[in-house]
N, C-alpha and C. Protein backbone atom coordinates (compact mmCIF):
# COMPACT_ATOMS: atom_id res chain seq x y z
N MET A 1 0.80 -1.20 0.00
CA MET A 1 0.00 0.00 0.00
C MET A 1 0.84 1.26 0.00
N GLY A 2 1.99 1.22 0.66
CA GLY A 2 2.84 2.40 0.78
C GLY A 2 3.39 2.88 -0.53
N GLU A 3 3.55 2.00 -1.50
CA GLU A 3 4.13 2.41 -2.78
C GLU A 3 3.20 3.30 -3.58
N ARG A 4 1.92 3.34 -3.24
CA ARG A 4 1.00 4.20 -3.98
C ARG A 4 1.09 5.65 -3.52
N LYS A 5 1.57 5.87 -2.32
CA LYS A 5 1.61 7.22 -1.76
C LYS A 5 3.03 7.78 -1.79
N VAL A 6 3.56 7.90 -2.97
CA VAL A 6 4.93 8.39 -3.12
C VAL A 6 4.95 9.90 -2.92
N LEU A 7 5.77 10.35 -1.98
CA LEU A 7 5.89 11.77 -1.72
C LEU A 7 7.16 12.35 -2.33
N ASN A 8 8.16 11.52 -2.55
CA ASN A 8 9.43 11.98 -3.11
C ASN A 8 9.65 11.36 -4.47
N LYS A 9 10.36 12.09 -5.30
CA LYS A 9 10.73 11.58 -6.61
C LYS A 9 12.20 11.19 -6.59
N TYR A 10 12.56 10.26 -7.46
CA TYR A 10 13.95 9.83 -7.55
C TYR A 10 14.69 10.74 -8.52
N TYR A 11 15.82 11.30 -8.05
CA TYR A 11 16.69 12.09 -8.90
C TYR A 11 18.00 11.34 -9.05
N PRO A 12 18.40 11.01 -10.28
CA PRO A 12 19.66 10.29 -10.46
C PRO A 12 20.85 11.16 -10.06
N PRO A 13 21.99 10.55 -9.73
CA PRO A 13 23.16 11.32 -9.28
C PRO A 13 23.70 12.29 -10.32
N ASP A 14 23.48 12.04 -11.60
CA ASP A 14 24.00 12.93 -12.64
C ASP A 14 22.98 14.00 -13.07
N PHE A 15 21.91 14.20 -12.31
CA PHE A 15 20.86 15.18 -12.64
C PHE A 15 21.39 16.59 -12.43
N ASP A 16 21.20 17.45 -13.44
CA ASP A 16 21.62 18.85 -13.36
C ASP A 16 20.41 19.74 -13.70
N PRO A 17 19.82 20.43 -12.73
CA PRO A 17 18.64 21.25 -13.02
C PRO A 17 18.93 22.44 -13.94
N ALA A 18 20.19 22.84 -14.07
CA ALA A 18 20.53 23.96 -14.95
C ALA A 18 20.33 23.61 -16.42
N LYS A 19 20.32 22.32 -16.75
CA LYS A 19 20.16 21.90 -18.14
C LYS A 19 18.70 21.92 -18.60
N ILE A 20 17.75 22.06 -17.65
CA ILE A 20 16.34 22.09 -18.01
C ILE A 20 16.00 23.47 -18.57
N LEU A 21 15.37 23.49 -19.73
CA LEU A 21 14.98 24.76 -20.35
C LEU A 21 13.66 25.23 -19.74
N ARG A 22 13.62 26.49 -19.34
CA ARG A 22 12.39 27.06 -18.80
C ARG A 22 11.62 27.75 -19.91
N GLN A 23 10.34 27.46 -19.98
CA GLN A 23 9.51 28.11 -21.00
C GLN A 23 8.94 29.40 -20.42
N ARG A 24 9.06 30.47 -21.16
CA ARG A 24 8.52 31.76 -20.74
C ARG A 24 7.06 31.84 -21.16
N GLN A 25 6.21 32.25 -20.22
CA GLN A 25 4.79 32.41 -20.51
C GLN A 25 4.55 33.83 -21.00
N PRO A 26 3.67 34.01 -22.00
CA PRO A 26 3.36 35.38 -22.43
C PRO A 26 2.60 36.14 -21.33
N LYS A 27 2.76 37.48 -21.33
CA LYS A 27 2.17 38.30 -20.29
C LYS A 27 0.63 38.24 -20.29
N ASN A 28 0.03 38.18 -21.46
CA ASN A 28 -1.43 38.22 -21.54
C ASN A 28 -2.04 36.83 -21.70
N GLN A 29 -1.39 35.82 -21.17
CA GLN A 29 -1.89 34.46 -21.29
C GLN A 29 -3.16 34.29 -20.48
N GLN A 30 -4.12 33.55 -21.04
CA GLN A 30 -5.36 33.29 -20.32
C GLN A 30 -5.25 31.94 -19.63
N MET A 31 -5.80 31.89 -18.42
CA MET A 31 -5.75 30.68 -17.62
C MET A 31 -7.18 30.24 -17.32
N LYS A 32 -7.44 28.95 -17.40
CA LYS A 32 -8.78 28.45 -17.09
C LYS A 32 -8.90 28.27 -15.58
N VAL A 33 -9.96 28.87 -15.01
CA VAL A 33 -10.20 28.76 -13.58
C VAL A 33 -11.68 28.45 -13.35
N ARG A 34 -11.96 27.84 -12.22
CA ARG A 34 -13.35 27.59 -11.81
C ARG A 34 -13.66 28.61 -10.73
N MET A 35 -14.72 29.38 -10.95
CA MET A 35 -15.03 30.45 -9.99
C MET A 35 -16.53 30.55 -9.76
N MET A 36 -16.86 31.19 -8.66
CA MET A 36 -18.26 31.50 -8.36
C MET A 36 -18.52 32.95 -8.74
N LEU A 37 -19.70 33.20 -9.22
CA LEU A 37 -20.07 34.57 -9.58
C LEU A 37 -20.20 35.40 -8.30
N PRO A 38 -19.50 36.54 -8.20
CA PRO A 38 -19.50 37.32 -6.96
C PRO A 38 -20.73 38.20 -6.76
N MET A 39 -21.58 38.33 -7.79
CA MET A 39 -22.78 39.16 -7.65
C MET A 39 -23.84 38.67 -8.63
N SER A 40 -25.07 39.05 -8.43
CA SER A 40 -26.15 38.68 -9.33
C SER A 40 -26.12 39.60 -10.54
N ILE A 41 -26.25 39.00 -11.73
CA ILE A 41 -26.23 39.78 -12.96
C ILE A 41 -27.36 39.33 -13.87
N ARG A 42 -27.62 40.10 -14.91
CA ARG A 42 -28.62 39.75 -15.91
C ARG A 42 -27.97 39.84 -17.28
N CYS A 43 -28.09 38.75 -18.04
CA CYS A 43 -27.51 38.70 -19.39
C CYS A 43 -28.23 39.70 -20.27
N SER A 44 -27.48 40.51 -21.01
CA SER A 44 -28.10 41.52 -21.87
C SER A 44 -28.58 40.93 -23.19
N THR A 45 -28.15 39.71 -23.53
CA THR A 45 -28.58 39.09 -24.78
C THR A 45 -29.94 38.42 -24.62
N CYS A 46 -30.08 37.55 -23.62
CA CYS A 46 -31.32 36.78 -23.47
C CYS A 46 -32.15 37.21 -22.27
N GLY A 47 -31.62 38.04 -21.38
CA GLY A 47 -32.36 38.50 -20.21
C GLY A 47 -32.37 37.51 -19.06
N ASN A 48 -31.54 36.47 -19.14
CA ASN A 48 -31.47 35.44 -18.10
C ASN A 48 -30.80 36.02 -16.86
N TYR A 49 -31.36 35.74 -15.67
CA TYR A 49 -30.74 36.15 -14.42
C TYR A 49 -29.76 35.06 -13.99
N ILE A 50 -28.56 35.46 -13.66
CA ILE A 50 -27.54 34.54 -13.16
C ILE A 50 -27.22 35.02 -11.75
N TYR A 51 -27.41 34.12 -10.78
CA TYR A 51 -27.37 34.54 -9.39
C TYR A 51 -25.99 34.40 -8.77
N LYS A 52 -25.79 35.12 -7.70
CA LYS A 52 -24.54 35.09 -6.95
C LYS A 52 -24.27 33.66 -6.46
N GLY A 53 -23.04 33.20 -6.62
CA GLY A 53 -22.68 31.86 -6.17
C GLY A 53 -22.77 30.81 -7.24
N THR A 54 -23.22 31.17 -8.45
CA THR A 54 -23.26 30.22 -9.56
C THR A 54 -21.83 29.92 -9.98
N LYS A 55 -21.51 28.62 -10.13
CA LYS A 55 -20.14 28.24 -10.49
C LYS A 55 -19.97 28.22 -12.00
N PHE A 56 -18.82 28.72 -12.45
CA PHE A 56 -18.50 28.79 -13.86
C PHE A 56 -17.08 28.31 -14.10
N ASN A 57 -16.86 27.74 -15.28
CA ASN A 57 -15.51 27.60 -15.79
C ASN A 57 -15.24 28.88 -16.55
N SER A 58 -14.23 29.61 -16.18
CA SER A 58 -13.97 30.89 -16.83
C SER A 58 -12.51 31.00 -17.24
N ARG A 59 -12.26 31.99 -18.09
CA ARG A 59 -10.89 32.30 -18.49
C ARG A 59 -10.47 33.56 -17.75
N LYS A 60 -9.30 33.52 -17.15
CA LYS A 60 -8.79 34.66 -16.37
C LYS A 60 -7.56 35.20 -17.09
N GLU A 61 -7.48 36.52 -17.18
CA GLU A 61 -6.29 37.14 -17.75
C GLU A 61 -5.93 38.38 -16.95
N ASP A 62 -4.66 38.74 -16.98
CA ASP A 62 -4.22 39.99 -16.37
C ASP A 62 -4.61 41.14 -17.29
N VAL A 63 -5.08 42.22 -16.70
CA VAL A 63 -5.37 43.41 -17.48
C VAL A 63 -4.07 44.19 -17.57
N ILE A 64 -3.50 44.23 -18.75
CA ILE A 64 -2.19 44.86 -18.94
C ILE A 64 -2.35 46.38 -18.92
N GLY A 65 -1.50 47.02 -18.13
CA GLY A 65 -1.50 48.47 -18.06
C GLY A 65 -2.42 49.04 -16.99
N GLU A 66 -3.16 48.18 -16.30
CA GLU A 66 -4.04 48.67 -15.24
C GLU A 66 -3.66 48.01 -13.92
N THR A 67 -3.32 48.85 -12.94
CA THR A 67 -3.09 48.38 -11.58
C THR A 67 -3.67 49.42 -10.64
N TYR A 68 -3.89 49.01 -9.40
CA TYR A 68 -4.33 49.95 -8.38
C TYR A 68 -3.40 49.78 -7.19
N LEU A 69 -2.57 50.79 -6.92
CA LEU A 69 -1.58 50.77 -5.84
C LEU A 69 -0.73 49.51 -5.89
N GLY A 70 -0.36 49.09 -7.08
CA GLY A 70 0.49 47.91 -7.25
C GLY A 70 -0.27 46.60 -7.27
N ILE A 71 -1.60 46.62 -7.10
CA ILE A 71 -2.40 45.40 -7.14
C ILE A 71 -2.82 45.14 -8.58
N GLN A 72 -2.56 43.93 -9.05
CA GLN A 72 -2.91 43.57 -10.42
C GLN A 72 -4.42 43.42 -10.56
N ILE A 73 -4.97 43.87 -11.68
CA ILE A 73 -6.39 43.76 -11.97
C ILE A 73 -6.58 42.59 -12.93
N PHE A 74 -7.59 41.76 -12.67
CA PHE A 74 -7.86 40.59 -13.51
C PHE A 74 -9.19 40.76 -14.22
N ARG A 75 -9.29 40.10 -15.40
CA ARG A 75 -10.52 40.08 -16.17
C ARG A 75 -10.95 38.62 -16.32
N PHE A 76 -12.24 38.36 -16.14
CA PHE A 76 -12.78 37.01 -16.24
C PHE A 76 -13.79 36.95 -17.37
N TYR A 77 -13.67 35.93 -18.22
CA TYR A 77 -14.61 35.69 -19.31
C TYR A 77 -15.38 34.41 -19.00
N PHE A 78 -16.69 34.44 -19.08
CA PHE A 78 -17.49 33.23 -18.92
C PHE A 78 -18.73 33.34 -19.79
N LYS A 79 -19.47 32.24 -19.91
CA LYS A 79 -20.62 32.20 -20.81
C LYS A 79 -21.92 32.16 -20.03
N CYS A 80 -22.96 32.75 -20.61
CA CYS A 80 -24.30 32.72 -20.04
C CYS A 80 -24.79 31.28 -20.02
N THR A 81 -25.50 30.91 -18.95
CA THR A 81 -25.97 29.53 -18.82
C THR A 81 -27.08 29.20 -19.80
N LYS A 82 -27.78 30.22 -20.32
CA LYS A 82 -28.91 29.96 -21.20
C LYS A 82 -28.56 30.11 -22.68
N CYS A 83 -27.94 31.24 -23.04
CA CYS A 83 -27.71 31.51 -24.47
C CYS A 83 -26.25 31.40 -24.89
N SER A 84 -25.36 31.12 -23.98
CA SER A 84 -23.92 30.97 -24.23
C SER A 84 -23.26 32.24 -24.76
N ALA A 85 -23.83 33.40 -24.46
CA ALA A 85 -23.19 34.67 -24.82
C ALA A 85 -22.04 34.90 -23.85
N GLU A 86 -20.97 35.53 -24.34
CA GLU A 86 -19.81 35.75 -23.49
C GLU A 86 -20.01 36.98 -22.61
N LEU A 87 -19.77 36.79 -21.30
CA LEU A 87 -19.89 37.86 -20.32
C LEU A 87 -18.51 38.14 -19.75
N THR A 88 -18.25 39.37 -19.40
CA THR A 88 -16.94 39.77 -18.91
C THR A 88 -17.09 40.58 -17.63
N ILE A 89 -16.30 40.20 -16.59
CA ILE A 89 -16.23 41.00 -15.38
C ILE A 89 -14.77 41.29 -15.07
N LYS A 90 -14.54 42.34 -14.32
CA LYS A 90 -13.18 42.77 -14.00
C LYS A 90 -13.11 43.09 -12.51
N THR A 91 -11.96 42.81 -11.89
CA THR A 91 -11.80 43.11 -10.47
C THR A 91 -11.66 44.63 -10.28
N ASP A 92 -12.11 45.09 -9.13
CA ASP A 92 -12.04 46.50 -8.78
C ASP A 92 -11.47 46.61 -7.36
N PRO A 93 -10.13 46.54 -7.21
CA PRO A 93 -9.55 46.55 -5.87
C PRO A 93 -9.76 47.85 -5.10
N GLN A 94 -10.01 48.93 -5.79
CA GLN A 94 -10.22 50.20 -5.10
C GLN A 94 -11.46 50.14 -4.22
N ASN A 95 -12.53 49.50 -4.70
CA ASN A 95 -13.77 49.38 -3.95
C ASN A 95 -13.98 47.99 -3.38
N SER A 96 -12.97 47.12 -3.47
CA SER A 96 -13.07 45.72 -3.03
C SER A 96 -14.29 45.05 -3.64
N ASP A 97 -14.42 45.15 -4.95
CA ASP A 97 -15.61 44.68 -5.64
C ASP A 97 -15.24 44.22 -7.05
N TYR A 98 -16.26 43.93 -7.84
CA TYR A 98 -16.10 43.57 -9.24
C TYR A 98 -16.94 44.50 -10.08
N VAL A 99 -16.53 44.68 -11.34
CA VAL A 99 -17.25 45.54 -12.28
C VAL A 99 -17.64 44.68 -13.47
N VAL A 100 -18.92 44.75 -13.88
CA VAL A 100 -19.36 44.04 -15.08
C VAL A 100 -18.95 44.88 -16.27
N GLU A 101 -18.11 44.28 -17.13
CA GLU A 101 -17.60 45.03 -18.28
C GLU A 101 -18.52 44.95 -19.49
N SER A 102 -18.88 43.74 -19.90
CA SER A 102 -19.69 43.62 -21.11
C SER A 102 -20.55 42.36 -21.05
N GLY A 103 -21.65 42.39 -21.83
CA GLY A 103 -22.51 41.22 -21.97
C GLY A 103 -23.57 41.08 -20.92
N ALA A 104 -23.53 41.87 -19.85
CA ALA A 104 -24.50 41.75 -18.76
C ALA A 104 -24.61 43.07 -18.02
N SER A 105 -25.58 43.12 -17.11
CA SER A 105 -25.71 44.28 -16.23
C SER A 105 -25.90 43.76 -14.81
N ARG A 106 -25.39 44.51 -13.86
CA ARG A 106 -25.47 44.10 -12.46
C ARG A 106 -26.85 44.41 -11.91
N ASN A 107 -27.41 43.50 -11.11
CA ASN A 107 -28.71 43.73 -10.49
C ASN A 107 -28.59 44.77 -9.40
N PHE A 108 -29.69 45.48 -9.14
CA PHE A 108 -29.71 46.51 -8.11
C PHE A 108 -29.63 45.86 -6.74
N GLU A 109 -28.75 46.38 -5.90
CA GLU A 109 -28.59 45.89 -4.54
C GLU A 109 -28.81 47.06 -3.60
N PRO A 110 -29.92 47.05 -2.84
CA PRO A 110 -30.25 48.24 -2.02
C PRO A 110 -29.23 48.56 -0.94
N TRP A 111 -28.55 47.55 -0.40
CA TRP A 111 -27.58 47.82 0.66
C TRP A 111 -26.36 48.56 0.11
N ARG A 112 -26.03 48.34 -1.18
CA ARG A 112 -24.92 49.08 -1.78
C ARG A 112 -25.27 50.55 -1.90
N ALA A 113 -26.52 50.86 -2.24
CA ALA A 113 -26.95 52.25 -2.36
C ALA A 113 -26.86 52.95 -1.01
N GLU A 114 -27.25 52.23 0.06
CA GLU A 114 -27.18 52.82 1.40
C GLU A 114 -25.73 53.09 1.80
N ASP A 115 -24.84 52.14 1.50
CA ASP A 115 -23.43 52.31 1.83
C ASP A 115 -22.83 53.49 1.06
N GLU A 116 -23.17 53.61 -0.21
CA GLU A 116 -22.66 54.73 -1.01
C GLU A 116 -23.17 56.06 -0.48
N GLU A 117 -24.43 56.07 -0.04
CA GLU A 117 -25.01 57.30 0.50
C GLU A 117 -24.30 57.71 1.80
N ALA A 118 -24.02 56.72 2.65
CA ALA A 118 -23.32 57.00 3.90
C ALA A 118 -21.90 57.51 3.62
N ASP A 119 -21.22 56.91 2.64
CA ASP A 119 -19.88 57.36 2.27
C ASP A 119 -19.91 58.79 1.73
N LYS A 120 -20.93 59.09 0.93
CA LYS A 120 -21.07 60.43 0.38
C LYS A 120 -21.24 61.46 1.50
N GLU A 121 -22.07 61.09 2.50
CA GLU A 121 -22.31 61.99 3.63
C GLU A 121 -21.03 62.23 4.43
N LYS A 122 -20.25 61.17 4.65
CA LYS A 122 -18.98 61.32 5.37
C LYS A 122 -18.02 62.24 4.62
N ARG A 123 -17.93 62.02 3.29
CA ARG A 123 -17.04 62.87 2.49
C ARG A 123 -17.48 64.33 2.54
N LYS A 124 -18.81 64.55 2.48
CA LYS A 124 -19.33 65.90 2.51
C LYS A 124 -19.00 66.57 3.85
N ARG A 125 -19.15 65.82 4.94
CA ARG A 125 -18.85 66.35 6.26
C ARG A 125 -17.36 66.69 6.38
N LYS A 126 -16.51 65.83 5.84
CA LYS A 126 -15.06 66.09 5.90
C LYS A 126 -14.68 67.33 5.11
N THR A 127 -15.29 67.50 3.93
CA THR A 127 -14.96 68.68 3.14
C THR A 127 -15.44 69.95 3.83
N GLU A 128 -16.59 69.88 4.53
CA GLU A 128 -17.07 71.04 5.28
C GLU A 128 -16.09 71.39 6.40
N GLU A 129 -15.61 70.35 7.09
CA GLU A 129 -14.75 70.56 8.25
C GLU A 129 -13.35 71.02 7.86
N MET A 130 -12.92 70.74 6.64
CA MET A 130 -11.57 71.11 6.22
C MET A 130 -11.37 72.62 6.27
N GLY A 131 -12.36 73.37 5.84
CA GLY A 131 -12.19 74.82 5.78
C GLY A 131 -12.68 75.55 7.01
N ASP A 132 -13.54 74.91 7.80
CA ASP A 132 -14.19 75.61 8.91
C ASP A 132 -13.92 74.88 10.23
N ALA A 133 -13.15 75.51 11.12
CA ALA A 133 -12.82 74.90 12.41
C ALA A 133 -14.04 74.86 13.32
N MET A 134 -14.91 75.88 13.23
CA MET A 134 -16.11 75.91 14.07
C MET A 134 -17.07 74.78 13.70
N LYS A 135 -17.21 74.52 12.42
CA LYS A 135 -18.08 73.44 11.96
C LYS A 135 -17.55 72.10 12.46
N SER A 136 -16.24 71.95 12.44
CA SER A 136 -15.62 70.73 12.94
C SER A 136 -15.91 70.54 14.42
N LEU A 137 -15.78 71.61 15.18
CA LEU A 137 -16.06 71.56 16.62
C LEU A 137 -17.53 71.24 16.88
N GLU A 138 -18.44 71.87 16.12
CA GLU A 138 -19.87 71.59 16.27
C GLU A 138 -20.18 70.12 16.00
N ASN A 139 -19.60 69.58 14.94
CA ASN A 139 -19.84 68.17 14.59
C ASN A 139 -19.32 67.24 15.68
N ARG A 140 -18.14 67.56 16.24
CA ARG A 140 -17.58 66.72 17.31
C ARG A 140 -18.45 66.76 18.56
N THR A 141 -18.92 67.95 18.94
CA THR A 141 -19.77 68.05 20.13
C THR A 141 -21.10 67.34 19.92
N LEU A 142 -21.66 67.46 18.71
CA LEU A 142 -22.90 66.76 18.40
C LEU A 142 -22.71 65.24 18.47
N HIS A 143 -21.58 64.77 17.96
CA HIS A 143 -21.28 63.34 17.98
C HIS A 143 -21.10 62.85 19.42
N SER A 144 -20.39 63.62 20.23
CA SER A 144 -20.17 63.20 21.62
C SER A 144 -21.48 63.24 22.41
N LYS A 145 -22.36 64.21 22.12
CA LYS A 145 -23.67 64.29 22.78
C LYS A 145 -24.51 63.07 22.44
N ARG A 146 -24.51 62.67 21.16
CA ARG A 146 -25.25 61.46 20.75
C ARG A 146 -24.70 60.23 21.45
N GLU A 147 -23.38 60.15 21.54
CA GLU A 147 -22.75 59.00 22.19
C GLU A 147 -23.12 58.94 23.67
N MET A 148 -23.11 60.10 24.35
CA MET A 148 -23.47 60.13 25.77
C MET A 148 -24.94 59.75 25.96
N ASP A 149 -25.82 60.22 25.07
CA ASP A 149 -27.25 59.88 25.16
C ASP A 149 -27.45 58.37 24.98
N SER A 150 -26.74 57.78 24.03
CA SER A 150 -26.89 56.34 23.81
C SER A 150 -26.35 55.55 25.00
N LEU A 151 -25.26 56.00 25.61
CA LEU A 151 -24.73 55.33 26.81
C LEU A 151 -25.70 55.46 27.98
N ALA A 152 -26.34 56.61 28.11
CA ALA A 152 -27.33 56.80 29.19
C ALA A 152 -28.52 55.87 28.98
N ALA A 153 -28.98 55.77 27.73
CA ALA A 153 -30.10 54.87 27.44
C ALA A 153 -29.72 53.43 27.72
N LEU A 154 -28.50 53.06 27.40
CA LEU A 154 -28.02 51.70 27.66
C LEU A 154 -27.95 51.42 29.16
N ASP A 155 -27.47 52.38 29.94
CA ASP A 155 -27.42 52.23 31.40
C ASP A 155 -28.82 52.07 31.98
N GLU A 156 -29.77 52.84 31.42
CA GLU A 156 -31.15 52.75 31.89
C GLU A 156 -31.73 51.36 31.63
N VAL A 157 -31.47 50.82 30.47
CA VAL A 157 -31.95 49.48 30.13
C VAL A 157 -31.31 48.44 31.04
N LYS A 158 -30.02 48.60 31.32
CA LYS A 158 -29.32 47.67 32.23
C LYS A 158 -29.91 47.72 33.63
N SER A 159 -30.20 48.93 34.12
CA SER A 159 -30.77 49.07 35.47
C SER A 159 -32.17 48.48 35.54
N MET A 160 -32.96 48.62 34.49
CA MET A 160 -34.29 48.02 34.46
C MET A 160 -34.21 46.49 34.46
N ARG A 161 -33.20 45.97 33.82
CA ARG A 161 -33.02 44.51 33.75
C ARG A 161 -32.63 43.96 35.11
N VAL A 162 -31.78 44.70 35.85
CA VAL A 162 -31.34 44.25 37.18
C VAL A 162 -32.54 44.25 38.13
N LEU A 163 -33.40 45.28 38.05
CA LEU A 163 -34.56 45.38 38.94
C LEU A 163 -35.59 44.29 38.66
N ALA A 164 -35.70 43.85 37.43
CA ALA A 164 -36.72 42.87 37.07
C ALA A 164 -36.38 41.47 37.49
């Protein structure tokens, strides 16, 4: 039984690894990978909905000339499950997400809209505070007042629980 589980290979005494020729791979080579779809999309050709978590055999390639802070961006090609139209998505490391490039459209996700709205509000508040020190102070006092109110409400709930 032990002979089936070989962990080491035999290298003859006259083996020279320098004599092995290394093949150079082209920069834009496509690699076949099995992946799950990271978001729900709709095929623009047939209108078929393809849901998040659907497994695909896809082709992956490096996007030449595009990086974000030194992070390589990848492009994935796969086919629609119904009409076999080619769909393309690309990684988006800046937003920790994926972007649908062609052949489909991304379904609306309400939680993404809420997150974007909250980010917009934070950016707006920061830009206001950059030029105005009084506005910055007002926002900090308002934030600390809210925090103190929430702590007081929490203490009240704790005291009611102890009494009960």
